[in-house]
PDB file of N, CA and C in Angstrom:
ATOM      1  N   UNK A   1      68.414  49.741 -37.751  1.00  0.00           N
ATOM      2  CA  UNK A   1      67.678  49.340 -36.567  1.00  0.00           C
ATOM      3  C   UNK A   1      66.177  49.383 -36.851  1.00  0.00           C
ATOM      4  N   UNK A   2      65.477  48.414 -36.304  1.00  0.00           N
ATOM      5  CA  UNK A   2      64.030  48.367 -36.458  1.00  0.00           C
ATOM      6  C   UNK A   2      63.383  49.354 -35.489  1.00  0.00           C
ATOM      7  N   UNK A   3      62.237  49.854 -35.882  1.00  0.00           N
ATOM      8  CA  UNK A   3      61.502  50.749 -35.002  1.00  0.00           C
ATOM      9  C   UNK A   3      60.999  49.981 -33.790  1.00  0.00           C
ATOM     10  N   UNK A   4      60.900  50.658 -32.644  1.00  0.00           N
ATOM     11  CA  UNK A   4      60.476  49.979 -31.420  1.00  0.00           C
ATOM     12  C   UNK A   4      59.065  49.405 -31.525  1.00  0.00           C
ATOM     13  N   UNK A   5      58.194  50.054 -32.269  1.00  0.00           N
ATOM     14  CA  UNK A   5      56.823  49.566 -32.378  1.00  0.00           C
ATOM     15  C   UNK A   5      56.727  48.308 -33.225  1.00  0.00           C
ATOM     16  N   UNK A   6      57.698  48.067 -34.094  1.00  0.00           N
ATOM     17  CA  UNK A   6      57.674  46.899 -34.969  1.00  0.00           C
ATOM     18  C   UNK A   6      58.648  45.818 -34.503  1.00  0.00           C
ATOM     19  N   UNK A   7      59.217  45.972 -33.324  1.00  0.00           N
ATOM     20  CA  UNK A   7      60.185  45.015 -32.797  1.00  0.00           C
ATOM     21  C   UNK A   7      59.525  43.646 -32.631  1.00  0.00           C
ATOM     22  N   UNK A   8      60.229  42.570 -33.019  1.00  0.00           N
ATOM     23  CA  UNK A   8      59.664  41.222 -32.938  1.00  0.00           C
ATOM     24  C   UNK A   8      59.589  40.745 -31.487  1.00  0.00           C
ATOM     25  N   UNK A   9      60.476  41.257 -30.615  1.00  0.00           N
ATOM     26  CA  UNK A   9      60.452  40.890 -29.193  1.00  0.00           C
ATOM     27  C   UNK A   9      60.346  42.159 -28.345  1.00  0.00           C
ATOM     28  N   UNK A  10      59.162  42.773 -28.292  1.00  0.00           N
ATOM     29  CA  UNK A  10      59.020  44.033 -27.556  1.00  0.00           C
ATOM     30  C   UNK A  10      59.050  43.822 -26.044  1.00  0.00           C
ATOM     31  N   UNK A  11      59.412  44.881 -25.336  1.00  0.00           N
ATOM     32  CA  UNK A  11      59.369  44.869 -23.876  1.00  0.00           C
ATOM     33  C   UNK A  11      57.922  45.088 -23.459  1.00  0.00           C
ATOM     34  N   UNK A  12      57.439  44.253 -22.528  1.00  0.00           N
ATOM     35  CA  UNK A  12      56.066  44.377 -22.038  1.00  0.00           C
ATOM     36  C   UNK A  12      56.070  44.426 -20.518  1.00  0.00           C
ATOM     37  N   UNK A  13      54.997  44.954 -19.945  1.00  0.00           N
ATOM     38  CA  UNK A  13      54.819  44.953 -18.494  1.00  0.00           C
ATOM     39  C   UNK A  13      53.766  43.914 -18.150  1.00  0.00           C
ATOM     40  N   UNK A  14      54.020  43.159 -17.093  1.00  0.00           N
ATOM     41  CA  UNK A  14      53.045  42.211 -16.572  1.00  0.00           C
ATOM     42  C   UNK A  14      52.548  42.767 -15.250  1.00  0.00           C
ATOM     43  N   UNK A  15      51.244  43.054 -15.164  1.00  0.00           N
ATOM     44  CA  UNK A  15      50.668  43.664 -13.965  1.00  0.00           C
ATOM     45  C   UNK A  15      49.870  42.636 -13.184  1.00  0.00           C
ATOM     46  N   UNK A  16      50.014  42.658 -11.873  1.00  0.00           N
ATOM     47  CA  UNK A  16      49.344  41.705 -10.992  1.00  0.00           C
ATOM     48  C   UNK A  16      47.828  41.882 -11.033  1.00  0.00           C
ATOM     49  N   UNK A  17      47.108  40.751 -11.053  1.00  0.00           N
ATOM     50  CA  UNK A  17      45.646  40.804 -11.014  1.00  0.00           C
ATOM     51  C   UNK A  17      45.134  40.875  -9.582  1.00  0.00           C
ATOM     52  N   UNK A  18      46.042  40.800  -8.597  1.00  0.00           N
ATOM     53  CA  UNK A  18      45.639  40.881  -7.192  1.00  0.00           C
ATOM     54  C   UNK A  18      45.346  42.319  -6.774  1.00  0.00           C
ATOM     55  N   UNK A  19      45.621  43.276  -7.653  1.00  0.00           N
ATOM     56  CA  UNK A  19      45.311  44.667  -7.355  1.00  0.00           C
ATOM     57  C   UNK A  19      46.361  45.364  -6.510  1.00  0.00           C
ATOM     58  N   UNK A  20      47.559  44.800  -6.422  1.00  0.00           N
ATOM     59  CA  UNK A  20      48.611  45.394  -5.605  1.00  0.00           C
ATOM     60  C   UNK A  20      49.421  46.434  -6.361  1.00  0.00           C
ATOM     61  N   UNK A  21      49.344  46.413  -7.687  1.00  0.00           N
ATOM     62  CA  UNK A  21      50.122  47.339  -8.492  1.00  0.00           C
ATOM     63  C   UNK A  21      51.521  46.849  -8.793  1.00  0.00           C
ATOM     64  N   UNK A  22      51.861  45.635  -8.355  1.00  0.00           N
ATOM     65  CA  UNK A  22      53.191  45.078  -8.589  1.00  0.00           C
ATOM     66  C   UNK A  22      53.309  44.661 -10.048  1.00  0.00           C
ATOM     67  N   UNK A  23      54.466  44.961 -10.668  1.00  0.00           N
ATOM     68  CA  UNK A  23      54.666  44.627 -12.078  1.00  0.00           C
ATOM     69  C   UNK A  23      55.998  43.921 -12.297  1.00  0.00           C
ATOM     70  N   UNK A  24      56.030  43.094 -13.321  1.00  0.00           N
ATOM     71  CA  UNK A  24      57.257  42.505 -13.842  1.00  0.00           C
ATOM     72  C   UNK A  24      57.455  43.079 -15.232  1.00  0.00           C
ATOM     73  N   UNK A  25      58.710  43.222 -15.656  1.00  0.00           N
ATOM     74  CA  UNK A  25      59.024  43.679 -17.003  1.00  0.00           C
ATOM     75  C   UNK A  25      59.750  42.547 -17.708  1.00  0.00           C
ATOM     76  N   UNK A  26      59.276  42.187 -18.904  1.00  0.00           N
ATOM     77  CA  UNK A  26      59.863  41.083 -19.651  1.00  0.00           C
ATOM     78  C   UNK A  26      59.712  41.346 -21.140  1.00  0.00           C
ATOM     79  N   UNK A  27      60.134  40.410 -21.955  1.00  0.00           N
ATOM     80  CA  UNK A  27      59.975  40.495 -23.404  1.00  0.00           C
ATOM     81  C   UNK A  27      59.124  39.326 -23.876  1.00  0.00           C
ATOM     82  N   UNK A  28      58.453  39.507 -25.003  1.00  0.00           N
ATOM     83  CA  UNK A  28      57.709  38.401 -25.590  1.00  0.00           C
ATOM     84  C   UNK A  28      57.924  38.380 -27.092  1.00  0.00           C
ATOM     85  N   UNK A  29      57.757  37.210 -27.670  1.00  0.00           N
ATOM     86  CA  UNK A  29      57.905  37.042 -29.108  1.00  0.00           C
ATOM     87  C   UNK A  29      56.531  37.215 -29.749  1.00  0.00           C
ATOM     88  N   UNK A  30      56.380  38.221 -30.604  1.00  0.00           N
ATOM     89  CA  UNK A  30      55.079  38.499 -31.230  1.00  0.00           C
ATOM     90  C   UNK A  30      54.634  37.408 -32.188  1.00  0.00           C
ATOM     91  N   UNK A  31      55.567  36.700 -32.804  1.00  0.00           N
ATOM     92  CA  UNK A  31      55.182  35.629 -33.729  1.00  0.00           C
ATOM     93  C   UNK A  31      54.581  34.449 -32.980  1.00  0.00           C
ATOM     94  N   UNK A  32      55.158  34.089 -31.836  1.00  0.00           N
ATOM     95  CA  UNK A  32      54.663  32.942 -31.071  1.00  0.00           C
ATOM     96  C   UNK A  32      53.463  33.292 -30.201  1.00  0.00           C
ATOM     97  N   UNK A  33      53.389  34.527 -29.700  1.00  0.00           N
ATOM     98  CA  UNK A  33      52.315  34.954 -28.797  1.00  0.00           C
ATOM     99  C   UNK A  33      51.722  36.269 -29.280  1.00  0.00           C
ATOM    100  N   UNK A  34      50.881  36.242 -30.315  1.00  0.00           N
ATOM    101  CA  UNK A  34      50.331  37.504 -30.821  1.00  0.00           C
ATOM    102  C   UNK A  34      49.311  38.142 -29.874  1.00  0.00           C
ATOM    103  N   UNK A  35      48.648  37.335 -29.037  1.00  0.00           N
ATOM    104  CA  UNK A  35      47.659  37.866 -28.099  1.00  0.00           C
ATOM    105  C   UNK A  35      48.346  38.296 -26.808  1.00  0.00           C
ATOM    106  N   UNK A  36      47.576  38.940 -25.943  1.00  0.00           N
ATOM    107  CA  UNK A  36      48.119  39.329 -24.643  1.00  0.00           C
ATOM    108  C   UNK A  36      48.330  38.084 -23.798  1.00  0.00           C
ATOM    109  N   UNK A  37      49.461  38.036 -23.103  1.00  0.00           N
ATOM    110  CA  UNK A  37      49.792  36.833 -22.345  1.00  0.00           C
ATOM    111  C   UNK A  37      49.422  36.987 -20.874  1.00  0.00           C
ATOM    112  N   UNK A  38      49.172  35.843 -20.236  1.00  0.00           N
ATOM    113  CA  UNK A  38      48.895  35.771 -18.803  1.00  0.00           C
ATOM    114  C   UNK A  38      49.842  34.736 -18.224  1.00  0.00           C
ATOM    115  N   UNK A  39      50.648  35.145 -17.247  1.00  0.00           N
ATOM    116  CA  UNK A  39      51.589  34.245 -16.592  1.00  0.00           C
ATOM    117  C   UNK A  39      51.314  34.217 -15.100  1.00  0.00           C
ATOM    118  N   UNK A  40      51.525  33.057 -14.492  1.00  0.00           N
ATOM    119  CA  UNK A  40      51.380  32.924 -13.048  1.00  0.00           C
ATOM    120  C   UNK A  40      52.751  33.158 -12.432  1.00  0.00           C
ATOM    121  N   UNK A  41      52.876  34.240 -11.651  1.00  0.00           N
ATOM    122  CA  UNK A  41      54.148  34.611 -11.043  1.00  0.00           C
ATOM    123  C   UNK A  41      53.919  35.017  -9.592  1.00  0.00           C
ATOM    124  N   UNK A  42      55.011  35.174  -8.866  1.00  0.00           N
ATOM    125  CA  UNK A  42      54.941  35.489  -7.444  1.00  0.00           C
ATOM    126  C   UNK A  42      54.735  36.982  -7.229  1.00  0.00           C
ATOM    127  N   UNK A  43      53.760  37.330  -6.393  1.00  0.00           N
ATOM    128  CA  UNK A  43      53.516  38.715  -5.999  1.00  0.00           C
ATOM    129  C   UNK A  43      53.957  38.864  -4.544  1.00  0.00           C
ATOM    130  N   UNK A  44      55.075  39.551  -4.281  1.00  0.00           N
ATOM    131  CA  UNK A  44      55.578  39.649  -2.912  1.00  0.00           C
ATOM    132  C   UNK A  44      54.703  40.478  -1.981  1.00  0.00           C
ATOM    133  N   UNK A  45      53.826  41.308  -2.515  1.00  0.00           N
ATOM    134  CA  UNK A  45      52.959  42.123  -1.666  1.00  0.00           C
ATOM    135  C   UNK A  45      51.935  41.246  -0.953  1.00  0.00           C
ATOM    136  N   UNK A  46      51.319  40.303  -1.684  1.00  0.00           N
ATOM    137  CA  UNK A  46      50.343  39.391  -1.075  1.00  0.00           C
ATOM    138  C   UNK A  46      50.972  38.053  -0.701  1.00  0.00           C
ATOM    139  N   UNK A  47      52.255  37.873  -1.046  1.00  0.00           N
ATOM    140  CA  UNK A  47      53.024  36.664  -0.754  1.00  0.00           C
ATOM    141  C   UNK A  47      52.355  35.405  -1.299  1.00  0.00           C
ATOM    142  N   UNK A  48      51.895  35.493  -2.553  1.00  0.00           N
ATOM    143  CA  UNK A  48      51.252  34.367  -3.234  1.00  0.00           C
ATOM    144  C   UNK A  48      51.604  34.405  -4.711  1.00  0.00           C
ATOM    145  N   UNK A  49      51.397  33.281  -5.384  1.00  0.00           N
ATOM    146  CA  UNK A  49      51.485  33.237  -6.839  1.00  0.00           C
ATOM    147  C   UNK A  49      50.118  33.630  -7.392  1.00  0.00           C
ATOM    148  N   UNK A  50      50.097  34.626  -8.251  1.00  0.00           N
ATOM    149  CA  UNK A  50      48.851  35.108  -8.857  1.00  0.00           C
ATOM    150  C   UNK A  50      49.077  35.283 -10.355  1.00  0.00           C
ATOM    151  N   UNK A  51      47.988  35.490 -11.098  1.00  0.00           N
ATOM    152  CA  UNK A  51      48.084  35.745 -12.533  1.00  0.00           C
ATOM    153  C   UNK A  51      48.578  37.171 -12.770  1.00  0.00           C
ATOM    154  N   UNK A  52      49.485  37.307 -13.718  1.00  0.00           N
ATOM    155  CA  UNK A  52      49.970  38.603 -14.168  1.00  0.00           C
ATOM    156  C   UNK A  52      49.580  38.735 -15.626  1.00  0.00           C
ATOM    157  N   UNK A  53      48.891  39.827 -15.979  1.00  0.00           N
ATOM    158  CA  UNK A  53      48.419  40.044 -17.339  1.00  0.00           C
ATOM    159  C   UNK A  53      49.277  41.099 -18.035  1.00  0.00           C
ATOM    160  N   UNK A  54      49.424  40.900 -19.337  1.00  0.00           N
ATOM    161  CA  UNK A  54      50.200  41.848 -20.144  1.00  0.00           C
ATOM    162  C   UNK A  54      49.474  43.181 -20.224  1.00  0.00           C
ATOM    163  N   UNK A  55      50.251  44.236 -20.065  1.00  0.00           N
ATOM    164  CA  UNK A  55      49.717  45.593 -20.139  1.00  0.00           C
ATOM    165  C   UNK A  55      50.565  46.348 -21.151  1.00  0.00           C
ATOM    166  N   UNK A  56      49.931  47.104 -22.038  1.00  0.00           N
ATOM    167  CA  UNK A  56      50.701  47.801 -23.078  1.00  0.00           C
ATOM    168  C   UNK A  56      50.760  49.280 -22.814  1.00  0.00           C
TER     169      UNK A  56
END
């Protein structure tokens, strides 16, 4: 088994930029996306689609 820190598809948290503290948990491919990712997803606290940034 590979070590968790060297995993090619690590589990990451996506935190809302709206300041609500809402998070999504997903995986990303380090080869395709070496930088931190930003996805537009739904935040149910503010009931809008906002940017979610990767948090490590």
